[in-house]
Amino acid sequence: MTKTLFVGGTSSNAGKSWMTTAICAWLRQRGVSVAPFKAQNMSNNSYPCRDGGEIGRAQVAQAEACGLEPERAMNPILLKPNGDGTSQVIVNGTVWKTLPARGYYEHADYLLTQVLAAYADLARRFDFVVVEGAGSVSELNMRRWDLANLALATRIHAPWILVADIERGGVFASILGTSALLSSDERSLFRGFLVNKFRGDVSLFTEGVEILESRAETRCLGVFPYASDIMLDPEDSLALSTSAAPPAAPKARVAILRFPCLSNATDFRLLTGADWLSNPRDHDYDVVILPGSKHTRSDLQWMRAQGLDEWIRRQHARGATIVGICGGYQMLGRAIHDPHGAESEAGTSEGLGLLESETTLAVDKVTRTVRATTAGGASFSAYEIHLGVTSANDSMPPFAHLDDGTVDGVRADRLVGTYLHGALEDPAVCSELLGIYVDAVPKKEQYERLAEWFDCHARHVEDWLIA
């Protein structure tokens, strides 16, 4: 019979994804056939599965920790915010609808059937499923529509644990408050709490653990130190400023625009020394990056309102390399046409005009994984998630050649445009393109470190994890 563990949190960014990944890596080290599951994710960091469709990037990392190929069943519902109060709703990897929050919950019954079917699919094929919750488990006003937290845990009879982030403060209130709000069914499945991101001497928190255990009437399952030497992909832009740095910092001065509808921030996990900008800054940079955007034309308008369009042109004139990825690539051209209203209203937006290219958005989304090689010979894995096609001047050389014989993007005089997410996650591409040298630890080793970190600090695992 399949075993299940639900990992809930006191808040967003408490460390649910991190702890879920750690548990997956730990179980895999012990020879357990384990898979991750998150019923409903809200993030513009997504990844295309080889069997088609896209899921949240955190579930991709968790699949890797399990030694698995990411698949749609691991994240049946993905909400990608548009920045206007609506979200693109991805169901089983495919765009289903674009809805406001209230409209989304009107479909809760149908969406629950998709969640339960995906979970059942994994439960049939794996010995253990580690289920990650979403946000806080104590959103009382949302209980009747709950697809991803304790309503799901009780429905599938999953024992569950609570993760709290001590770094942000209020750990006593968050744990005790959550405990006090549990229903009898929820409490019957509650196995204990974990304190995450502790800095300093753990022994100073011994009395704190005793107080929490006494008042919450449950056990502390571990006090976990902040792991600065382990680097995982952040789930969304909320975690950008708290991601651990790689062993070496970038030598070039790098700026990345923080678009309101920023997507796939994991592209820059190696560039932790970069400045994230929402306004022009009176510095000269070696590299300025326009990242992906969930709402390209809207972010282009925002960029102009901030004066960043002229700032980018000045940076380029002073010698900076300008790199556009996905939506950022589209912005570098002369125009972005949206004849069908694929993003919002039909129309055309004038681009920055740095590249001799134009983009036409389409209703159908491109989602695929690829292998590519740059002109300098750097070979890397990447993925595409975008609407539309960009037509560039034939005289401009491509950014990369794909293994299927096609080409991607352009590379001109200190100008680079590409649809390939993941390119800058490869140290060789960073070196060739940006002059940045990063001694990145392979992902497999990161997951091994994570499993060891968990093994060192987890308590009573024989009762709640391997019982």
Protein backbone atom coordinates (compact mmCIF):
# COMPACT_ATOMS: atom_id res chain seq x y z
CA MET A 1 0.00 0.00 0.00
CA THR A 2 1.31 3.44 -0.93
CA LYS A 3 2.44 5.64 1.95
CA THR A 4 1.77 9.37 1.86
CA LEU A 5 3.13 12.32 3.82
CA PHE A 6 1.68 15.82 3.54
CA VAL A 7 4.05 18.76 4.11
CA GLY A 8 2.17 21.90 5.15
CA GLY A 9 3.42 25.35 6.09
CA THR A 10 2.60 28.22 8.39
CA SER A 11 2.98 30.64 5.46
CA SER A 12 4.28 31.01 1.94
CA ASN A 13 8.07 30.70 1.64
CA ALA A 14 8.30 28.88 4.98
CA GLY A 15 10.29 26.11 3.32
CA LYS A 16 7.64 23.58 2.23
CA SER A 17 9.19 23.04 -1.20
CA TRP A 18 12.66 22.78 0.31
CA MET A 19 11.56 20.28 2.98
CA THR A 20 9.55 18.24 0.49
CA THR A 21 12.59 18.04 -1.77
CA ALA A 22 14.77 17.03 1.19
CA ILE A 23 12.39 14.24 2.20
CA CYS A 24 12.23 13.00 -1.40
CA ALA A 25 16.04 12.95 -1.64
CA TRP A 26 16.34 11.21 1.75
CA LEU A 27 13.84 8.50 0.82
CA ARG A 28 15.50 7.94 -2.53
CA GLN A 29 18.85 7.41 -0.81
CA ARG A 30 17.20 4.61 1.13
CA GLY A 31 15.94 2.89 -1.99
CA VAL A 32 12.31 3.99 -1.69
CA SER A 33 10.27 4.46 -4.87
CA VAL A 34 9.06 8.00 -4.16
CA ALA A 35 7.31 10.74 -6.14
CA PRO A 36 6.38 14.38 -5.33
CA PHE A 37 2.90 15.87 -5.64
CA LYS A 38 1.53 19.39 -5.36
CA ALA A 39 -2.14 19.67 -6.17
CA GLN A 40 -2.20 23.38 -6.89
CA ASN A 41 0.77 25.62 -7.44
CA MET A 42 0.85 29.36 -8.13
CA SER A 43 4.03 30.36 -9.89
CA ASN A 44 5.31 31.76 -13.16
CA ASN A 45 8.35 29.48 -12.81
CA SER A 46 7.32 26.49 -14.89
CA TYR A 47 8.93 23.75 -16.92
CA PRO A 48 7.75 21.62 -19.89
CA CYS A 49 7.52 17.88 -19.28
CA ARG A 50 8.86 15.54 -21.93
CA ASP A 51 5.42 13.92 -22.16
CA GLY A 52 3.90 17.33 -22.91
CA GLY A 53 2.56 20.22 -20.87
CA GLU A 54 4.09 22.28 -18.06
CA ILE A 55 4.31 22.06 -14.27
CA GLY A 56 5.75 24.19 -11.48
CA ARG A 57 9.52 24.36 -11.28
CA ALA A 58 9.56 23.26 -7.62
CA GLN A 59 8.01 19.93 -8.58
CA VAL A 60 10.70 19.54 -11.25
CA ALA A 61 13.38 19.86 -8.56
CA GLN A 62 11.50 17.38 -6.38
CA ALA A 63 11.25 14.92 -9.27
CA GLU A 64 15.01 15.25 -9.83
CA ALA A 65 15.59 14.57 -6.14
CA CYS A 66 13.54 11.38 -6.58
CA GLY A 67 15.56 10.41 -9.67
CA LEU A 68 12.48 10.81 -11.86
CA GLU A 69 11.53 12.52 -15.09
CA PRO A 70 9.08 15.36 -14.25
CA GLU A 71 5.51 14.61 -15.31
CA ARG A 72 2.15 16.35 -15.34
CA ALA A 73 0.62 14.25 -12.57
CA MET A 74 3.09 15.76 -10.09
CA ASN A 75 1.38 19.18 -10.37
CA PRO A 76 -2.09 18.87 -11.93
CA ILE A 77 -3.06 22.53 -11.40
CA LEU A 78 -0.66 25.40 -12.07
CA LEU A 79 -1.83 29.01 -11.74
CA LYS A 80 0.25 31.55 -13.64
CA PRO A 81 -0.67 35.11 -12.51
CA ASN A 82 -1.16 37.68 -15.26
CA GLY A 83 -0.68 40.69 -12.99
CA ASP A 84 -4.21 42.02 -13.57
CA GLY A 85 -6.08 39.96 -10.99
CA THR A 86 -6.46 36.97 -13.29
CA SER A 87 -4.40 33.82 -13.71
CA GLN A 88 -3.81 31.44 -16.56
CA VAL A 89 -5.01 28.08 -15.28
CA ILE A 90 -2.95 25.10 -16.41
CA VAL A 91 -4.72 21.77 -15.83
CA ASN A 92 -2.74 18.58 -16.38
CA GLY A 93 -0.06 20.56 -18.19
CA THR A 94 -2.33 22.36 -20.67
CA VAL A 95 -3.86 25.84 -20.65
CA TRP A 96 -7.48 25.43 -19.55
CA LYS A 97 -8.87 28.91 -18.83
CA THR A 98 -7.89 32.41 -17.76
CA LEU A 99 -9.87 33.29 -14.65
CA PRO A 100 -10.11 35.79 -11.77
CA ALA A 101 -9.86 34.31 -8.28
CA ARG A 102 -13.61 34.11 -7.69
CA GLY A 103 -14.16 32.54 -11.10
CA TYR A 104 -11.49 29.95 -10.35
CA TYR A 105 -13.19 28.80 -7.16
CA GLU A 106 -16.47 28.40 -8.98
CA HIS A 107 -14.81 25.42 -10.70
CA ALA A 108 -13.53 23.86 -7.45
CA ASP A 109 -15.55 20.66 -7.81
CA TYR A 110 -14.22 19.91 -11.27
CA LEU A 111 -10.66 20.82 -10.29
CA LEU A 112 -10.83 18.52 -7.28
CA THR A 113 -11.58 15.58 -9.57
CA GLN A 114 -8.41 16.40 -11.53
CA VAL A 115 -6.35 16.64 -8.33
CA LEU A 116 -7.58 13.32 -6.96
CA ALA A 117 -7.09 11.56 -10.31
CA ALA A 118 -3.50 12.78 -10.55
CA TYR A 119 -2.74 11.75 -6.97
CA ALA A 120 -4.29 8.32 -7.54
CA ASP A 121 -2.17 7.89 -10.66
CA LEU A 122 1.05 8.48 -8.69
CA ALA A 123 -0.15 6.35 -5.77
CA ARG A 124 -0.65 3.40 -8.11
CA ARG A 125 2.90 3.62 -9.42
CA PHE A 126 5.04 4.60 -6.42
CA ASP A 127 5.55 3.26 -2.91
CA PHE A 128 5.61 6.73 -1.34
CA VAL A 129 4.11 10.08 -2.35
CA VAL A 130 5.28 13.28 -0.64
CA VAL A 131 2.55 15.91 -0.96
CA GLU A 132 3.38 19.60 -0.67
CA GLY A 133 0.76 22.09 0.46
CA ALA A 134 0.28 25.64 -0.79
CA GLY A 135 0.82 28.79 1.27
CA SER A 136 -0.56 28.53 4.81
CA VAL A 137 -2.65 25.56 5.97
CA SER A 138 -4.76 27.89 8.13
CA GLU A 139 -6.69 29.97 5.60
CA LEU A 140 -10.04 29.44 7.34
CA ASN A 141 -12.08 31.44 4.84
CA MET A 142 -10.85 29.21 1.99
CA ARG A 143 -11.53 25.81 3.56
CA ARG A 144 -14.63 25.05 1.50
CA TRP A 145 -12.61 25.49 -1.71
CA ASP A 146 -9.38 23.93 -0.45
CA LEU A 147 -7.76 21.79 -3.14
CA ALA A 148 -4.21 21.73 -1.88
CA ASN A 149 -3.98 21.87 1.92
CA LEU A 150 -5.52 20.08 4.89
CA ALA A 151 -8.83 19.37 3.17
CA LEU A 152 -6.80 17.33 0.70
CA ALA A 153 -4.71 15.70 3.46
CA THR A 154 -7.83 14.57 5.33
CA ARG A 155 -9.53 13.43 2.13
CA ILE A 156 -6.62 11.11 1.24
CA HIS A 157 -5.95 10.26 4.94
CA ALA A 158 -2.37 11.53 4.78
CA PRO A 159 -0.33 12.07 7.96
CA TRP A 160 1.06 15.58 7.87
CA ILE A 161 3.81 17.79 9.27
CA LEU A 162 4.04 21.56 9.67
CA VAL A 163 7.02 23.64 8.49
CA ALA A 164 7.67 27.03 10.12
CA ASP A 165 10.30 29.62 9.18
CA ILE A 166 12.07 30.97 12.27
CA GLU A 167 14.14 33.46 10.26
CA ARG A 168 11.18 35.73 9.54
CA GLY A 169 10.18 35.89 13.24
CA GLY A 170 6.94 34.95 14.97
CA VAL A 171 7.65 31.24 14.99
CA PHE A 172 5.84 30.69 18.32
CA ALA A 173 2.70 32.48 17.16
CA SER A 174 2.69 30.79 13.77
CA ILE A 175 3.07 27.24 15.13
CA LEU A 176 0.77 27.63 18.13
CA GLY A 177 -1.78 29.62 16.14
CA THR A 178 -1.87 26.98 13.41
CA SER A 179 -2.22 24.21 15.98
CA ALA A 180 -5.09 26.00 17.73
CA LEU A 181 -7.03 26.30 14.46
CA LEU A 182 -6.99 22.61 13.56
CA SER A 183 -10.19 20.62 13.30
CA SER A 184 -10.40 17.25 15.04
CA ASP A 185 -9.83 15.39 11.74
CA GLU A 186 -6.82 17.54 10.93
CA ARG A 187 -5.34 17.09 14.39
CA SER A 188 -5.74 13.31 14.24
CA LEU A 189 -3.35 13.22 11.27
CA PHE A 190 -0.92 15.84 12.64
CA ARG A 191 2.50 14.33 13.40
CA GLY A 192 4.45 17.40 14.50
CA PHE A 193 6.27 20.55 13.43
CA LEU A 194 9.68 21.38 11.98
CA VAL A 195 11.50 24.66 12.60
CA ASN A 196 13.31 25.78 9.44
CA LYS A 197 16.08 28.30 8.62
CA PHE A 198 17.61 28.53 12.11
CA ARG A 199 20.80 30.61 12.32
CA GLY A 200 23.26 30.40 15.19
CA ASP A 201 23.53 28.11 18.20
CA VAL A 202 20.63 25.63 18.08
CA SER A 203 21.05 24.86 21.79
CA LEU A 204 19.74 28.35 22.55
CA PHE A 205 16.37 27.19 21.22
CA THR A 206 16.06 24.13 23.45
CA GLU A 207 13.66 25.87 25.81
CA GLY A 208 11.74 27.19 22.81
CA VAL A 209 11.22 23.65 21.56
CA GLU A 210 9.97 22.57 24.99
CA ILE A 211 7.49 25.46 25.13
CA LEU A 212 6.18 24.72 21.64
CA GLU A 213 5.82 21.00 22.29
CA SER A 214 3.98 21.61 25.54
CA ARG A 215 1.54 24.20 24.23
CA ALA A 216 0.95 22.63 20.79
CA GLU A 217 0.66 19.16 22.38
CA THR A 218 2.76 17.61 19.62
CA ARG A 219 6.42 16.92 18.90
CA CYS A 220 9.15 18.96 17.29
CA LEU A 221 10.46 16.86 14.43
CA GLY A 222 13.64 18.86 14.03
CA VAL A 223 15.27 22.28 14.17
CA PHE A 224 16.94 22.73 10.79
CA PRO A 225 19.79 25.21 10.28
CA TYR A 226 19.93 27.62 7.37
CA ALA A 227 21.77 25.67 4.66
CA SER A 228 23.90 28.26 2.89
CA ASP A 229 25.93 25.62 1.05
CA ILE A 230 22.92 24.02 -0.68
CA MET A 231 21.40 25.68 -3.73
CA LEU A 232 17.95 24.72 -5.02
CA ASP A 233 15.73 26.39 -7.59
CA PRO A 234 13.40 28.92 -5.94
CA GLU A 235 9.70 28.27 -6.48
CA ASP A 236 8.93 31.86 -7.40
CA SER A 237 10.29 35.41 -7.25
CA LEU A 238 9.35 35.69 -3.55
CA ALA A 239 12.46 33.63 -2.79
CA LEU A 240 14.87 35.52 -5.04
CA SER A 241 16.55 37.44 -2.25
CA THR A 242 16.87 34.40 0.03
CA SER A 243 18.42 31.87 -2.36
CA ALA A 244 21.79 30.55 -1.31
CA ALA A 245 24.78 31.73 -3.34
CA PRO A 246 26.96 29.41 -5.41
CA PRO A 247 30.62 28.99 -4.41
CA ALA A 248 31.82 31.74 -6.74
CA ALA A 249 30.22 35.15 -7.32
CA PRO A 250 29.91 36.74 -10.78
CA LYS A 251 32.87 38.89 -11.76
CA ALA A 252 30.89 41.00 -14.23
CA ARG A 253 28.47 43.69 -13.08
CA VAL A 254 25.04 42.30 -13.92
CA ALA A 255 21.61 43.91 -13.72
CA ILE A 256 18.32 41.98 -14.12
CA LEU A 257 15.01 43.79 -14.55
CA ARG A 258 12.40 42.75 -12.00
CA PHE A 259 9.29 42.79 -14.17
CA PRO A 260 5.92 42.82 -12.39
CA CYS A 261 5.00 39.67 -14.35
CA LEU A 262 8.45 38.11 -14.16
CA SER A 263 8.55 34.44 -15.11
CA ASN A 264 11.14 31.68 -14.81
CA ALA A 265 13.42 33.49 -12.38
CA THR A 266 15.27 30.19 -12.02
CA ASP A 267 17.13 31.19 -15.20
CA PHE A 268 19.37 33.28 -12.96
CA ARG A 269 20.08 30.93 -10.07
CA LEU A 270 23.83 31.14 -10.80
CA LEU A 271 23.81 34.96 -10.93
CA THR A 272 23.32 35.64 -7.24
CA GLY A 273 25.66 38.63 -7.37
CA ALA A 274 23.36 40.43 -9.82
CA ASP A 275 21.34 43.57 -9.02
CA TRP A 276 17.57 43.20 -9.47
CA LEU A 277 16.23 46.55 -10.68
CA SER A 278 12.78 48.08 -10.77
CA ASN A 279 14.07 51.57 -11.54
CA PRO A 280 17.07 53.01 -13.41
CA ARG A 281 20.26 52.99 -11.39
CA ASP A 282 23.18 55.38 -11.84
CA HIS A 283 25.73 52.63 -12.43
CA ASP A 284 27.41 51.24 -15.49
CA TYR A 285 26.82 47.50 -15.97
CA ASP A 286 28.61 44.94 -18.05
CA VAL A 287 25.41 42.96 -18.63
CA VAL A 288 21.74 43.94 -18.49
CA ILE A 289 19.20 41.11 -18.67
CA LEU A 290 15.54 41.33 -19.65
CA PRO A 291 14.01 38.12 -18.24
CA GLY A 292 10.92 36.21 -19.24
CA SER A 293 7.51 37.72 -18.67
CA LYS A 294 4.07 36.20 -18.22
CA HIS A 295 2.57 39.39 -19.72
CA THR A 296 5.13 40.76 -22.17
CA ARG A 297 3.32 43.79 -23.53
CA SER A 298 2.23 44.89 -20.05
CA ASP A 299 5.79 44.59 -18.71
CA LEU A 300 7.07 46.49 -21.73
CA GLN A 301 4.66 49.31 -20.88
CA TRP A 302 5.81 49.18 -17.23
CA MET A 303 9.45 49.37 -18.35
CA ARG A 304 8.73 52.56 -20.31
CA ALA A 305 6.84 54.10 -17.39
CA GLN A 306 9.89 53.51 -15.18
CA GLY A 307 12.26 55.06 -17.72
CA LEU A 308 14.09 51.75 -18.05
CA ASP A 309 13.79 51.67 -21.85
CA GLU A 310 16.04 54.69 -22.30
CA TRP A 311 18.27 53.50 -19.48
CA ILE A 312 18.83 50.21 -21.32
CA ARG A 313 19.73 52.05 -24.51
CA ARG A 314 22.25 54.17 -22.59
CA GLN A 315 23.75 51.08 -20.96
CA HIS A 316 24.19 49.49 -24.38
CA ALA A 317 25.74 52.66 -25.81
CA ARG A 318 28.23 52.66 -22.90
CA GLY A 319 29.32 49.10 -23.69
CA ALA A 320 26.94 46.78 -21.85
CA THR A 321 25.75 43.50 -23.33
CA ILE A 322 21.94 43.35 -23.39
CA VAL A 323 20.41 39.89 -23.07
CA GLY A 324 16.72 39.18 -23.63
CA ILE A 325 15.23 35.82 -22.65
CA CYS A 326 11.81 34.76 -23.96
CA GLY A 327 9.57 37.80 -23.33
CA GLY A 328 12.71 39.89 -22.87
CA TYR A 329 13.89 38.75 -26.31
CA GLN A 330 10.56 39.84 -27.80
CA MET A 331 10.92 43.28 -26.17
CA LEU A 332 14.31 43.88 -27.80
CA GLY A 333 12.78 43.91 -31.28
CA ARG A 334 10.88 46.57 -33.20
CA ALA A 335 7.37 45.46 -32.33
CA ILE A 336 5.20 42.84 -30.61
CA HIS A 337 1.95 42.08 -32.43
CA ASP A 338 -0.96 40.40 -30.65
CA PRO A 339 -3.65 40.04 -33.33
CA HIS A 340 -5.78 37.55 -31.38
CA GLY A 341 -5.51 39.02 -27.88
CA ALA A 342 -3.40 36.08 -26.70
CA GLU A 343 -2.16 38.03 -23.66
CA SER A 344 -5.01 40.50 -23.15
CA GLU A 345 -6.34 43.00 -25.68
CA ALA A 346 -5.43 42.63 -29.35
CA GLY A 347 -2.98 45.23 -30.61
CA THR A 348 0.66 46.09 -31.23
CA SER A 349 3.32 47.38 -28.84
CA GLU A 350 6.45 49.14 -30.01
CA GLY A 351 9.59 47.36 -28.83
CA LEU A 352 12.97 48.77 -27.85
CA GLY A 353 14.23 48.52 -31.42
CA LEU A 354 17.66 47.23 -30.47
CA LEU A 355 17.17 44.12 -32.63
CA GLU A 356 15.89 43.99 -36.19
CA SER A 357 13.10 41.60 -35.31
CA GLU A 358 9.35 41.47 -34.80
CA THR A 359 7.19 39.09 -32.79
CA THR A 360 3.66 37.90 -33.46
CA LEU A 361 1.92 36.33 -30.48
CA ALA A 362 -0.27 33.28 -31.01
CA VAL A 363 -2.95 31.58 -28.94
CA ASP A 364 -1.17 28.22 -28.83
CA LYS A 365 1.76 27.95 -26.44
CA VAL A 366 5.10 26.36 -27.31
CA THR A 367 6.31 24.05 -24.51
CA ARG A 368 9.26 21.74 -25.13
CA THR A 369 12.68 20.69 -23.88
CA VAL A 370 15.72 20.88 -26.17
CA ARG A 371 19.46 20.40 -26.41
CA ALA A 372 21.39 23.32 -27.88
CA THR A 373 24.93 24.44 -28.70
CA THR A 374 26.16 28.03 -28.82
CA ALA A 375 28.54 29.43 -31.42
CA GLY A 376 31.34 29.06 -28.87
CA GLY A 377 30.65 25.34 -28.50
CA ALA A 378 28.81 25.34 -25.15
CA SER A 379 26.31 22.47 -25.20
CA PHE A 380 23.42 22.65 -22.75
CA SER A 381 19.88 21.53 -21.95
CA ALA A 382 17.11 24.11 -22.13
CA TYR A 383 13.37 24.51 -22.49
CA GLU A 384 10.86 26.78 -24.22
CA ILE A 385 7.59 28.12 -22.80
CA HIS A 386 6.25 30.99 -24.89
CA LEU A 387 3.50 32.37 -27.07
CA GLY A 388 4.33 33.50 -30.57
CA VAL A 389 7.09 33.53 -33.15
CA THR A 390 9.93 36.04 -33.58
CA SER A 391 11.15 36.84 -37.09
CA ALA A 392 14.66 38.28 -37.20
CA ASN A 393 16.93 39.73 -39.87
CA ASP A 394 18.60 36.82 -41.66
CA SER A 395 21.97 38.58 -41.48
CA MET A 396 22.08 38.18 -37.68
CA PRO A 397 23.68 34.92 -36.51
CA PRO A 398 21.59 32.71 -34.21
CA PHE A 399 22.20 32.41 -30.50
CA ALA A 400 22.28 28.62 -30.63
CA HIS A 401 21.85 25.60 -32.89
CA LEU A 402 19.39 22.99 -31.65
CA ASP A 403 19.93 19.25 -31.92
CA ASP A 404 16.86 18.94 -34.17
CA GLY A 405 18.63 21.01 -36.85
CA THR A 406 16.82 24.30 -36.19
CA VAL A 407 18.25 27.48 -34.69
CA ASP A 408 17.20 29.76 -31.84
CA GLY A 409 17.43 33.48 -31.25
CA VAL A 410 19.97 36.00 -32.43
CA ARG A 411 23.38 37.23 -31.40
CA ALA A 412 24.46 40.63 -32.65
CA ASP A 413 26.83 43.37 -31.43
CA ARG A 414 26.52 43.06 -27.62
CA LEU A 415 22.92 41.97 -28.12
CA VAL A 416 21.55 38.50 -27.42
CA GLY A 417 18.00 37.25 -27.78
CA THR A 418 16.86 33.72 -27.04
CA TYR A 419 13.75 31.70 -26.22
CA LEU A 420 15.85 29.14 -24.35
CA HIS A 421 15.13 29.14 -20.64
CA GLY A 422 17.91 27.43 -18.75
CA ALA A 423 20.74 28.68 -20.95
CA LEU A 424 22.18 30.82 -18.16
CA GLU A 425 21.87 27.92 -15.72
CA ASP A 426 24.81 26.38 -17.55
CA PRO A 427 28.23 27.62 -16.32
CA ALA A 428 29.78 27.28 -19.79
CA VAL A 429 27.12 29.53 -21.34
CA CYS A 430 27.56 32.10 -18.55
CA SER A 431 31.30 32.08 -19.22
CA GLU A 432 30.98 32.44 -23.00
CA LEU A 433 28.11 34.90 -23.08
CA LEU A 434 28.61 37.05 -20.00
CA GLY A 435 32.22 36.56 -18.95
CA ILE A 436 30.95 35.15 -15.65
CA TYR A 437 32.77 32.18 -14.15
CA VAL A 438 30.75 30.12 -11.70
CA ASP A 439 31.98 26.93 -10.09
CA ALA A 440 28.48 25.46 -9.82
CA VAL A 441 27.93 22.28 -7.83
CA PRO A 442 26.08 19.66 -9.94
CA LYS A 443 22.41 19.27 -9.07
CA LYS A 444 22.84 15.61 -8.15
CA GLU A 445 25.39 16.58 -5.50
CA GLN A 446 23.06 19.32 -4.23
CA TYR A 447 20.32 16.75 -3.64
CA GLU A 448 22.77 14.44 -1.89
CA ARG A 449 23.80 17.30 0.40
CA LEU A 450 20.15 18.06 1.04
CA ALA A 451 19.42 14.46 2.05
CA GLU A 452 22.39 14.51 4.44
CA TRP A 453 21.21 17.84 5.90
CA PHE A 454 17.79 16.33 6.53
CA ASP A 455 19.22 13.13 8.00
CA CYS A 456 21.41 15.10 10.39
CA HIS A 457 18.66 17.30 11.84
CA ALA A 458 15.38 15.34 11.58
CA ARG A 459 14.01 13.79 14.79
CA HIS A 460 11.74 10.79 15.41
CA VAL A 461 11.74 9.79 11.72
CA GLU A 462 10.94 6.22 12.73
CA ASP A 463 7.52 7.43 13.92
CA TRP A 464 6.37 9.79 11.17
CA LEU A 465 8.37 8.95 8.05
CA ILE A 466 9.47 5.34 8.03
CA ALA A 467 6.86 3.83 10.36
